[in-house]
Amino acid sequence: MAFSAYAAATRPSKAEVLSLFRSLLRTARQFPDYNIKAYTKRRTIDGFRHNQNLSDPSSIASALSDGKAQLEIARRQAIVHSLYAPSVRSIMETNSELTC
């Protein structure tokens, strides 16, 4: 019990937070649909900007654990979306292929 209270009160390292951020952005790229991909990326960036000024170690640890839970949800959803993605491509994906 004392160990869990200590673990919740310790401040996560900057490397751990950046790793979570990069993992969330990588997971966003796995979505086959442009709209979901853009939403996931935007939500990730907004969430980290919202929490960048946290100073209380317990609130930082809470936000980090919440972010890890969101990462697992996003990974599962990326798999589900890749299995059932429509074959029709969005106009944004078509335009990016034409300009390259």
PDB file of N, CA and C in Angstrom:
ATOM      1  N   MET A   1       0.822  -1.187   0.000  1.00  0.00           N
ATOM      2  CA  MET A   1       0.000   0.000   0.000  1.00  0.00           C
ATOM      3  C   MET A   1       0.870   1.255   0.000  1.00  0.00           C
ATOM      4  N   ALA A   2       1.928   1.253   0.810  1.00  0.00           N
ATOM      5  CA  ALA A   2       2.810   2.410   0.863  1.00  0.00           C
ATOM      6  C   ALA A   2       3.537   2.591  -0.458  1.00  0.00           C
ATOM      7  N   PHE A   3       3.851   1.505  -1.150  1.00  0.00           N
ATOM      8  CA  PHE A   3       4.543   1.592  -2.427  1.00  0.00           C
ATOM      9  C   PHE A   3       3.667   2.264  -3.478  1.00  0.00           C
ATOM     10  N   SER A   4       2.369   1.952  -3.517  1.00  0.00           N
ATOM     11  CA  SER A   4       1.484   2.560  -4.515  1.00  0.00           C
ATOM     12  C   SER A   4       1.312   4.057  -4.251  1.00  0.00           C
ATOM     13  N   ALA A   5       1.289   4.456  -2.988  1.00  0.00           N
ATOM     14  CA  ALA A   5       1.191   5.874  -2.667  1.00  0.00           C
ATOM     15  C   ALA A   5       2.472   6.592  -3.088  1.00  0.00           C
ATOM     16  N   TYR A   6       3.612   5.937  -2.920  1.00  0.00           N
ATOM     17  CA  TYR A   6       4.879   6.513  -3.342  1.00  0.00           C
ATOM     18  C   TYR A   6       4.951   6.597  -4.863  1.00  0.00           C
ATOM     19  N   ALA A   7       4.487   5.568  -5.550  1.00  0.00           N
ATOM     20  CA  ALA A   7       4.525   5.562  -7.015  1.00  0.00           C
ATOM     21  C   ALA A   7       3.607   6.636  -7.589  1.00  0.00           C
ATOM     22  N   ALA A   8       2.471   6.873  -6.971  1.00  0.00           N
ATOM     23  CA  ALA A   8       1.543   7.896  -7.453  1.00  0.00           C
ATOM     24  C   ALA A   8       2.086   9.298  -7.205  1.00  0.00           C
ATOM     25  N   ALA A   9       2.903   9.457  -6.162  1.00  0.00           N
ATOM     26  CA  ALA A   9       3.406  10.784  -5.813  1.00  0.00           C
ATOM     27  C   ALA A   9       4.694  11.134  -6.542  1.00  0.00           C
ATOM     28  N   THR A  10       5.392  10.167  -7.144  1.00  0.00           N
ATOM     29  CA  THR A  10       6.631  10.477  -7.838  1.00  0.00           C
ATOM     30  C   THR A  10       6.326  11.131  -9.172  1.00  0.00           C
ATOM     31  N   ARG A  11       7.180  12.020  -9.554  1.00  0.00           N
ATOM     32  CA  ARG A  11       7.000  12.756 -10.801  1.00  0.00           C
ATOM     33  C   ARG A  11       7.521  11.910 -11.963  1.00  0.00           C
ATOM     34  N   PRO A  12       6.707  11.691 -13.001  1.00  0.00           N
ATOM     35  CA  PRO A  12       7.173  10.933 -14.159  1.00  0.00           C
ATOM     36  C   PRO A  12       8.278  11.698 -14.887  1.00  0.00           C
ATOM     37  N   SER A  13       9.160  10.976 -15.518  1.00  0.00           N
ATOM     38  CA  SER A  13      10.264  11.631 -16.205  1.00  0.00           C
ATOM     39  C   SER A  13       9.793  12.270 -17.503  1.00  0.00           C
ATOM     40  N   LYS A  14      10.558  13.212 -17.981  1.00  0.00           N
ATOM     41  CA  LYS A  14      10.238  13.889 -19.229  1.00  0.00           C
ATOM     42  C   LYS A  14      10.278  12.897 -20.388  1.00  0.00           C
ATOM     43  N   ALA A  15      11.208  11.953 -20.332  1.00  0.00           N
ATOM     44  CA  ALA A  15      11.314  10.944 -21.380  1.00  0.00           C
ATOM     45  C   ALA A  15      10.063  10.068 -21.444  1.00  0.00           C
ATOM     46  N   GLU A  16       9.499   9.757 -20.287  1.00  0.00           N
ATOM     47  CA  GLU A  16       8.283   8.938 -20.236  1.00  0.00           C
ATOM     48  C   GLU A  16       7.098   9.690 -20.844  1.00  0.00           C
ATOM     49  N   VAL A  17       7.004  10.968 -20.559  1.00  0.00           N
ATOM     50  CA  VAL A  17       5.908  11.786 -21.099  1.00  0.00           C
ATOM     51  C   VAL A  17       6.068  11.932 -22.611  1.00  0.00           C
ATOM     52  N   LEU A  18       7.278  12.200 -23.086  1.00  0.00           N
ATOM     53  CA  LEU A  18       7.517  12.337 -24.522  1.00  0.00           C
ATOM     54  C   LEU A  18       7.290  11.016 -25.253  1.00  0.00           C
ATOM     55  N   SER A  19       7.627   9.922 -24.605  1.00  0.00           N
ATOM     56  CA  SER A  19       7.392   8.607 -25.196  1.00  0.00           C
ATOM     57  C   SER A  19       5.897   8.360 -25.386  1.00  0.00           C
ATOM     58  N   LEU A  20       5.115   8.733 -24.390  1.00  0.00           N
ATOM     59  CA  LEU A  20       3.663   8.592 -24.504  1.00  0.00           C
ATOM     60  C   LEU A  20       3.129   9.472 -25.626  1.00  0.00           C
ATOM     61  N   PHE A  21       3.620  10.697 -25.728  1.00  0.00           N
ATOM     62  CA  PHE A  21       3.198  11.614 -26.780  1.00  0.00           C
ATOM     63  C   PHE A  21       3.494  11.047 -28.167  1.00  0.00           C
ATOM     64  N   ARG A  22       4.712  10.552 -28.355  1.00  0.00           N
ATOM     65  CA  ARG A  22       5.093   9.974 -29.641  1.00  0.00           C
ATOM     66  C   ARG A  22       4.284   8.724 -29.954  1.00  0.00           C
ATOM     67  N   SER A  23       4.018   7.915 -28.946  1.00  0.00           N
ATOM     68  CA  SER A  23       3.226   6.702 -29.158  1.00  0.00           C
ATOM     69  C   SER A  23       1.802   7.033 -29.585  1.00  0.00           C
ATOM     70  N   LEU A  24       1.230   8.062 -28.979  1.00  0.00           N
ATOM     71  CA  LEU A  24      -0.119   8.477 -29.364  1.00  0.00           C
ATOM     72  C   LEU A  24      -0.151   9.010 -30.798  1.00  0.00           C
ATOM     73  N   LEU A  25       0.875   9.763 -31.186  1.00  0.00           N
ATOM     74  CA  LEU A  25       0.923  10.272 -32.554  1.00  0.00           C
ATOM     75  C   LEU A  25       1.150   9.144 -33.557  1.00  0.00           C
ATOM     76  N   ARG A  26       1.989   8.174 -33.210  1.00  0.00           N
ATOM     77  CA  ARG A  26       2.203   7.012 -34.078  1.00  0.00           C
ATOM     78  C   ARG A  26       0.920   6.214 -34.241  1.00  0.00           C
ATOM     79  N   THR A  27       0.187   6.070 -33.163  1.00  0.00           N
ATOM     80  CA  THR A  27      -1.079   5.341 -33.222  1.00  0.00           C
ATOM     81  C   THR A  27      -2.081   6.094 -34.087  1.00  0.00           C
ATOM     82  N   ALA A  28      -2.074   7.409 -34.035  1.00  0.00           N
ATOM     83  CA  ALA A  28      -2.981   8.207 -34.868  1.00  0.00           C
ATOM     84  C   ALA A  28      -2.719   7.958 -36.345  1.00  0.00           C
ATOM     85  N   ARG A  29      -1.460   7.759 -36.722  1.00  0.00           N
ATOM     86  CA  ARG A  29      -1.129   7.496 -38.128  1.00  0.00           C
ATOM     87  C   ARG A  29      -1.625   6.144 -38.604  1.00  0.00           C
ATOM     88  N   GLN A  30      -1.942   5.243 -37.701  1.00  0.00           N
ATOM     89  CA  GLN A  30      -2.382   3.904 -38.086  1.00  0.00           C
ATOM     90  C   GLN A  30      -3.839   3.858 -38.520  1.00  0.00           C
ATOM     91  N   PHE A  31      -4.612   4.893 -38.229  1.00  0.00           N
ATOM     92  CA  PHE A  31      -6.009   4.901 -38.645  1.00  0.00           C
ATOM     93  C   PHE A  31      -6.086   5.070 -40.159  1.00  0.00           C
ATOM     94  N   PRO A  32      -6.872   4.232 -40.827  1.00  0.00           N
ATOM     95  CA  PRO A  32      -6.969   4.348 -42.283  1.00  0.00           C
ATOM     96  C   PRO A  32      -7.801   5.550 -42.735  1.00  0.00           C
ATOM     97  N   ASP A  33      -8.705   6.030 -41.927  1.00  0.00           N
ATOM     98  CA  ASP A  33      -9.574   7.140 -42.294  1.00  0.00           C
ATOM     99  C   ASP A  33      -8.904   8.468 -41.946  1.00  0.00           C
ATOM    100  N   TYR A  34      -8.875   9.391 -42.902  1.00  0.00           N
ATOM    101  CA  TYR A  34      -8.212  10.682 -42.705  1.00  0.00           C
ATOM    102  C   TYR A  34      -8.822  11.460 -41.545  1.00  0.00           C
ATOM    103  N   ASN A  35     -10.154  11.481 -41.469  1.00  0.00           N
ATOM    104  CA  ASN A  35     -10.822  12.271 -40.434  1.00  0.00           C
ATOM    105  C   ASN A  35     -10.495  11.770 -39.038  1.00  0.00           C
ATOM    106  N   ILE A  36     -10.504  10.477 -38.850  1.00  0.00           N
ATOM    107  CA  ILE A  36     -10.184   9.907 -37.533  1.00  0.00           C
ATOM    108  C   ILE A  36      -8.714  10.126 -37.216  1.00  0.00           C
ATOM    109  N   LYS A  37      -7.866   9.993 -38.221  1.00  0.00           N
ATOM    110  CA  LYS A  37      -6.432  10.219 -38.041  1.00  0.00           C
ATOM    111  C   LYS A  37      -6.166  11.654 -37.587  1.00  0.00           C
ATOM    112  N   ALA A  38      -6.789  12.609 -38.266  1.00  0.00           N
ATOM    113  CA  ALA A  38      -6.596  14.021 -37.923  1.00  0.00           C
ATOM    114  C   ALA A  38      -7.179  14.340 -36.550  1.00  0.00           C
ATOM    115  N   TYR A  39      -8.345  13.772 -36.236  1.00  0.00           N
ATOM    116  CA  TYR A  39      -8.957  14.008 -34.932  1.00  0.00           C
ATOM    117  C   TYR A  39      -8.083  13.472 -33.803  1.00  0.00           C
ATOM    118  N   THR A  40      -7.562  12.270 -33.984  1.00  0.00           N
ATOM    119  CA  THR A  40      -6.725  11.667 -32.945  1.00  0.00           C
ATOM    120  C   THR A  40      -5.454  12.481 -32.738  1.00  0.00           C
ATOM    121  N   LYS A  41      -4.856  12.924 -33.811  1.00  0.00           N
ATOM    122  CA  LYS A  41      -3.648  13.756 -33.704  1.00  0.00           C
ATOM    123  C   LYS A  41      -3.953  15.072 -32.998  1.00  0.00           C
ATOM    124  N   ARG A  42      -5.040  15.719 -33.404  1.00  0.00           N
ATOM    125  CA  ARG A  42      -5.423  17.001 -32.799  1.00  0.00           C
ATOM    126  C   ARG A  42      -5.759  16.844 -31.322  1.00  0.00           C
ATOM    127  N   ARG A  43      -6.464  15.774 -30.996  1.00  0.00           N
ATOM    128  CA  ARG A  43      -6.836  15.514 -29.597  1.00  0.00           C
ATOM    129  C   ARG A  43      -5.598  15.263 -28.742  1.00  0.00           C
ATOM    130  N   THR A  44      -4.623  14.552 -29.302  1.00  0.00           N
ATOM    131  CA  THR A  44      -3.375  14.288 -28.577  1.00  0.00           C
ATOM    132  C   THR A  44      -2.639  15.586 -28.282  1.00  0.00           C
ATOM    133  N   ILE A  45      -2.465  16.396 -29.296  1.00  0.00           N
ATOM    134  CA  ILE A  45      -1.731  17.659 -29.123  1.00  0.00           C
ATOM    135  C   ILE A  45      -2.451  18.578 -28.145  1.00  0.00           C
ATOM    136  N   ASP A  46      -3.762  18.689 -28.292  1.00  0.00           N
ATOM    137  CA  ASP A  46      -4.541  19.542 -27.380  1.00  0.00           C
ATOM    138  C   ASP A  46      -4.485  19.043 -25.939  1.00  0.00           C
ATOM    139  N   GLY A  47      -4.536  17.736 -25.760  1.00  0.00           N
ATOM    140  CA  GLY A  47      -4.472  17.172 -24.411  1.00  0.00           C
ATOM    141  C   GLY A  47      -3.141  17.455 -23.725  1.00  0.00           C
ATOM    142  N   PHE A  48      -2.052  17.329 -24.475  1.00  0.00           N
ATOM    143  CA  PHE A  48      -0.747  17.606 -23.881  1.00  0.00           C
ATOM    144  C   PHE A  48      -0.559  19.095 -23.628  1.00  0.00           C
ATOM    145  N   ARG A  49      -1.067  19.936 -24.500  1.00  0.00           N
ATOM    146  CA  ARG A  49      -0.987  21.384 -24.249  1.00  0.00           C
ATOM    147  C   ARG A  49      -1.804  21.776 -23.023  1.00  0.00           C
ATOM    148  N   HIS A  50      -2.955  21.141 -22.860  1.00  0.00           N
ATOM    149  CA  HIS A  50      -3.814  21.431 -21.721  1.00  0.00           C
ATOM    150  C   HIS A  50      -3.122  21.072 -20.398  1.00  0.00           C
ATOM    151  N   ASN A  51      -2.347  19.998 -20.410  1.00  0.00           N
ATOM    152  CA  ASN A  51      -1.717  19.523 -19.180  1.00  0.00           C
ATOM    153  C   ASN A  51      -0.260  19.955 -19.017  1.00  0.00           C
ATOM    154  N   GLN A  52       0.249  20.801 -19.881  1.00  0.00           N
ATOM    155  CA  GLN A  52       1.668  21.149 -19.816  1.00  0.00           C
ATOM    156  C   GLN A  52       2.038  21.977 -18.580  1.00  0.00           C
ATOM    157  N   ASN A  53       1.078  22.641 -17.976  1.00  0.00           N
ATOM    158  CA  ASN A  53       1.374  23.481 -16.823  1.00  0.00           C
ATOM    159  C   ASN A  53       1.080  22.810 -15.487  1.00  0.00           C
ATOM    160  N   LEU A  54       0.816  21.509 -15.502  1.00  0.00           N
ATOM    161  CA  LEU A  54       0.576  20.800 -14.244  1.00  0.00           C
ATOM    162  C   LEU A  54       1.862  20.780 -13.421  1.00  0.00           C
ATOM    163  N   SER A  55       1.746  21.016 -12.136  1.00  0.00           N
ATOM    164  CA  SER A  55       2.933  21.014 -11.281  1.00  0.00           C
ATOM    165  C   SER A  55       2.823  20.036 -10.121  1.00  0.00           C
ATOM    166  N   ASP A  56       1.615  19.669  -9.741  1.00  0.00           N
ATOM    167  CA  ASP A  56       1.409  18.727  -8.655  1.00  0.00           C
ATOM    168  C   ASP A  56       1.768  17.317  -9.123  1.00  0.00           C
ATOM    169  N   PRO A  57       2.692  16.633  -8.443  1.00  0.00           N
ATOM    170  CA  PRO A  57       3.110  15.293  -8.899  1.00  0.00           C
ATOM    171  C   PRO A  57       1.967  14.286  -9.001  1.00  0.00           C
ATOM    172  N   SER A  58       0.993  14.387  -8.113  1.00  0.00           N
ATOM    173  CA  SER A  58      -0.109  13.429  -8.192  1.00  0.00           C
ATOM    174  C   SER A  58      -0.998  13.709  -9.403  1.00  0.00           C
ATOM    175  N   SER A  59      -1.203  14.971  -9.746  1.00  0.00           N
ATOM    176  CA  SER A  59      -2.006  15.284 -10.930  1.00  0.00           C
ATOM    177  C   SER A  59      -1.256  14.930 -12.212  1.00  0.00           C
ATOM    178  N   ILE A  60       0.062  15.078 -12.202  1.00  0.00           N
ATOM    179  CA  ILE A  60       0.866  14.678 -13.361  1.00  0.00           C
ATOM    180  C   ILE A  60       0.796  13.173 -13.546  1.00  0.00           C
ATOM    181  N   ALA A  61       0.937  12.432 -12.446  1.00  0.00           N
ATOM    182  CA  ALA A  61       0.860  10.971 -12.523  1.00  0.00           C
ATOM    183  C   ALA A  61      -0.524  10.528 -12.970  1.00  0.00           C
ATOM    184  N   SER A  62      -1.546  11.212 -12.517  1.00  0.00           N
ATOM    185  CA  SER A  62      -2.912  10.897 -12.924  1.00  0.00           C
ATOM    186  C   SER A  62      -3.111  11.163 -14.414  1.00  0.00           C
ATOM    187  N   ALA A  63      -2.616  12.290 -14.896  1.00  0.00           N
ATOM    188  CA  ALA A  63      -2.738  12.616 -16.319  1.00  0.00           C
ATOM    189  C   ALA A  63      -1.956  11.624 -17.172  1.00  0.00           C
ATOM    190  N   LEU A  64      -0.798  11.195 -16.681  1.00  0.00           N
ATOM    191  CA  LEU A  64       0.010  10.217 -17.417  1.00  0.00           C
ATOM    192  C   LEU A  64      -0.696   8.866 -17.487  1.00  0.00           C
ATOM    193  N   SER A  65      -1.268   8.423 -16.385  1.00  0.00           N
ATOM    194  CA  SER A  65      -1.976   7.145 -16.405  1.00  0.00           C
ATOM    195  C   SER A  65      -3.225   7.232 -17.275  1.00  0.00           C
ATOM    196  N   ASP A  66      -3.884   8.383 -17.279  1.00  0.00           N
ATOM    197  CA  ASP A  66      -5.030   8.587 -18.156  1.00  0.00           C
ATOM    198  C   ASP A  66      -4.588   8.555 -19.624  1.00  0.00           C
ATOM    199  N   GLY A  67      -3.454   9.147 -19.911  1.00  0.00           N
ATOM    200  CA  GLY A  67      -2.916   9.123 -21.272  1.00  0.00           C
ATOM    201  C   GLY A  67      -2.559   7.718 -21.726  1.00  0.00           C
ATOM    202  N   LYS A  68      -2.021   6.913 -20.815  1.00  0.00           N
ATOM    203  CA  LYS A  68      -1.695   5.523 -21.156  1.00  0.00           C
ATOM    204  C   LYS A  68      -2.963   4.727 -21.437  1.00  0.00           C
ATOM    205  N   ALA A  69      -4.014   4.994 -20.682  1.00  0.00           N
ATOM    206  CA  ALA A  69      -5.291   4.318 -20.932  1.00  0.00           C
ATOM    207  C   ALA A  69      -5.848   4.743 -22.293  1.00  0.00           C
ATOM    208  N   GLN A  70      -5.726   6.032 -22.622  1.00  0.00           N
ATOM    209  CA  GLN A  70      -6.187   6.513 -23.921  1.00  0.00           C
ATOM    210  C   GLN A  70      -5.372   5.903 -25.062  1.00  0.00           C
ATOM    211  N   LEU A  71      -4.086   5.661 -24.827  1.00  0.00           N
ATOM    212  CA  LEU A  71      -3.247   5.025 -25.835  1.00  0.00           C
ATOM    213  C   LEU A  71      -3.720   3.606 -26.130  1.00  0.00           C
ATOM    214  N   GLU A  72      -4.039   2.865 -25.092  1.00  0.00           N
ATOM    215  CA  GLU A  72      -4.532   1.502 -25.294  1.00  0.00           C
ATOM    216  C   GLU A  72      -5.864   1.503 -26.042  1.00  0.00           C
ATOM    217  N   ILE A  73      -6.726   2.436 -25.720  1.00  0.00           N
ATOM    218  CA  ILE A  73      -8.011   2.548 -26.421  1.00  0.00           C
ATOM    219  C   ILE A  73      -7.776   2.887 -27.891  1.00  0.00           C
ATOM    220  N   ALA A  74      -6.886   3.828 -28.151  1.00  0.00           N
ATOM    221  CA  ALA A  74      -6.607   4.232 -29.534  1.00  0.00           C
ATOM    222  C   ALA A  74      -5.997   3.080 -30.326  1.00  0.00           C
ATOM    223  N   ARG A  75      -5.124   2.309 -29.696  1.00  0.00           N
ATOM    224  CA  ARG A  75      -4.534   1.157 -30.393  1.00  0.00           C
ATOM    225  C   ARG A  75      -5.601   0.133 -30.765  1.00  0.00           C
ATOM    226  N   ARG A  76      -6.495  -0.145 -29.840  1.00  0.00           N
ATOM    227  CA  ARG A  76      -7.577  -1.097 -30.144  1.00  0.00           C
ATOM    228  C   ARG A  76      -8.480  -0.561 -31.247  1.00  0.00           C
ATOM    229  N   GLN A  77      -8.802   0.730 -31.175  1.00  0.00           N
ATOM    230  CA  GLN A  77      -9.669   1.313 -32.192  1.00  0.00           C
ATOM    231  C   GLN A  77      -8.998   1.338 -33.568  1.00  0.00           C
ATOM    232  N   ALA A  78      -7.693   1.542 -33.616  1.00  0.00           N
ATOM    233  CA  ALA A  78      -6.973   1.534 -34.893  1.00  0.00           C
ATOM    234  C   ALA A  78      -7.064   0.154 -35.531  1.00  0.00           C
ATOM    235  N   ILE A  79      -6.968  -0.886 -34.719  1.00  0.00           N
ATOM    236  CA  ILE A  79      -7.087  -2.244 -35.247  1.00  0.00           C
ATOM    237  C   ILE A  79      -8.493  -2.491 -35.775  1.00  0.00           C
ATOM    238  N   VAL A  80      -9.489  -2.100 -34.998  1.00  0.00           N
ATOM    239  CA  VAL A  80     -10.877  -2.303 -35.414  1.00  0.00           C
ATOM    240  C   VAL A  80     -11.169  -1.524 -36.695  1.00  0.00           C
ATOM    241  N   HIS A  81     -10.710  -0.273 -36.754  1.00  0.00           N
ATOM    242  CA  HIS A  81     -10.959   0.541 -37.951  1.00  0.00           C
ATOM    243  C   HIS A  81     -10.232  -0.018 -39.166  1.00  0.00           C
ATOM    244  N   SER A  82      -9.067  -0.592 -38.975  1.00  0.00           N
ATOM    245  CA  SER A  82      -8.361  -1.161 -40.125  1.00  0.00           C
ATOM    246  C   SER A  82      -9.061  -2.416 -40.636  1.00  0.00           C
ATOM    247  N   LEU A  83      -9.754  -3.128 -39.759  1.00  0.00           N
ATOM    248  CA  LEU A  83     -10.481  -4.322 -40.187  1.00  0.00           C
ATOM    249  C   LEU A  83     -11.747  -3.972 -40.960  1.00  0.00           C
ATOM    250  N   TYR A  84     -12.401  -2.903 -40.572  1.00  0.00           N
ATOM    251  CA  TYR A  84     -13.696  -2.553 -41.149  1.00  0.00           C
ATOM    252  C   TYR A  84     -13.681  -1.228 -41.886  1.00  0.00           C
ATOM    253  N   ALA A  85     -12.543  -0.804 -42.367  1.00  0.00           N
ATOM    254  CA  ALA A  85     -12.448   0.481 -43.059  1.00  0.00           C
ATOM    255  C   ALA A  85     -13.116   0.395 -44.428  1.00  0.00           C
ATOM    256  N   PRO A  86     -13.825   1.441 -44.821  1.00  0.00           N
ATOM    257  CA  PRO A  86     -14.437   1.430 -46.156  1.00  0.00           C
ATOM    258  C   PRO A  86     -13.352   1.551 -47.227  1.00  0.00           C
ATOM    259  N   SER A  87     -13.645   1.043 -48.395  1.00  0.00           N
ATOM    260  CA  SER A  87     -12.656   1.082 -49.471  1.00  0.00           C
ATOM    261  C   SER A  87     -12.622   2.443 -50.169  1.00  0.00           C
ATOM    262  N   VAL A  88     -13.610   3.302 -49.905  1.00  0.00           N
ATOM    263  CA  VAL A  88     -13.660   4.632 -50.498  1.00  0.00           C
ATOM    264  C   VAL A  88     -12.672   5.530 -49.766  1.00  0.00           C
ATOM    265  N   ARG A  89     -11.852   6.224 -50.526  1.00  0.00           N
ATOM    266  CA  ARG A  89     -10.867   7.105 -49.921  1.00  0.00           C
ATOM    267  C   ARG A  89     -11.429   8.510 -49.800  1.00  0.00           C
ATOM    268  N   SER A  90     -10.929   9.248 -48.841  1.00  0.00           N
ATOM    269  CA  SER A  90     -11.396  10.621 -48.660  1.00  0.00           C
ATOM    270  C   SER A  90     -10.738  11.535 -49.686  1.00  0.00           C
ATOM    271  N   ILE A  91     -11.307  12.672 -49.907  1.00  0.00           N
ATOM    272  CA  ILE A  91     -10.786  13.641 -50.871  1.00  0.00           C
ATOM    273  C   ILE A  91      -9.418  14.162 -50.435  1.00  0.00           C
ATOM    274  N   MET A  92      -9.185  14.220 -49.123  1.00  0.00           N
ATOM    275  CA  MET A  92      -7.893  14.701 -48.612  1.00  0.00           C
ATOM    276  C   MET A  92      -6.778  13.735 -48.971  1.00  0.00           C
ATOM    277  N   GLU A  93      -7.039  12.450 -48.906  1.00  0.00           N
ATOM    278  CA  GLU A  93      -6.027  11.460 -49.271  1.00  0.00           C
ATOM    279  C   GLU A  93      -5.794  11.466 -50.782  1.00  0.00           C
ATOM    280  N   THR A  94      -6.823  11.664 -51.555  1.00  0.00           N
ATOM    281  CA  THR A  94      -6.696  11.710 -53.011  1.00  0.00           C
ATOM    282  C   THR A  94      -5.897  12.937 -53.432  1.00  0.00           C
ATOM    283  N   ASN A  95      -6.168  14.075 -52.830  1.00  0.00           N
ATOM    284  CA  ASN A  95      -5.429  15.302 -53.164  1.00  0.00           C
ATOM    285  C   ASN A  95      -3.965  15.204 -52.799  1.00  0.00           C
ATOM    286  N   SER A  96      -3.635  14.545 -51.685  1.00  0.00           N
ATOM    287  CA  SER A  96      -2.228  14.453 -51.286  1.00  0.00           C
ATOM    288  C   SER A  96      -1.465  13.539 -52.233  1.00  0.00           C
ATOM    289  N   GLU A  97      -2.116  12.556 -52.836  1.00  0.00           N
ATOM    290  CA  GLU A  97      -1.446  11.683 -53.801  1.00  0.00           C
ATOM    291  C   GLU A  97      -1.197  12.422 -55.105  1.00  0.00           C
ATOM    292  N   LEU A  98      -2.094  13.310 -55.475  1.00  0.00           N
ATOM    293  CA  LEU A  98      -1.947  14.046 -56.729  1.00  0.00           C
ATOM    294  C   LEU A  98      -0.823  15.071 -56.654  1.00  0.00           C
ATOM    295  N   THR A  99      -0.594  15.650 -55.496  1.00  0.00           N
ATOM    296  CA  THR A  99       0.442  16.678 -55.359  1.00  0.00           C
ATOM    297  C   THR A  99       1.826  16.095 -55.198  1.00  0.00           C
ATOM    298  N   CYS A 100       1.945  14.845 -54.840  1.00  0.00           N
ATOM    299  CA  CYS A 100       3.269  14.231 -54.627  1.00  0.00           C
ATOM    300  C   CYS A 100       3.920  13.820 -55.916  1.00  0.00           C
TER     301      CYS A 100
END
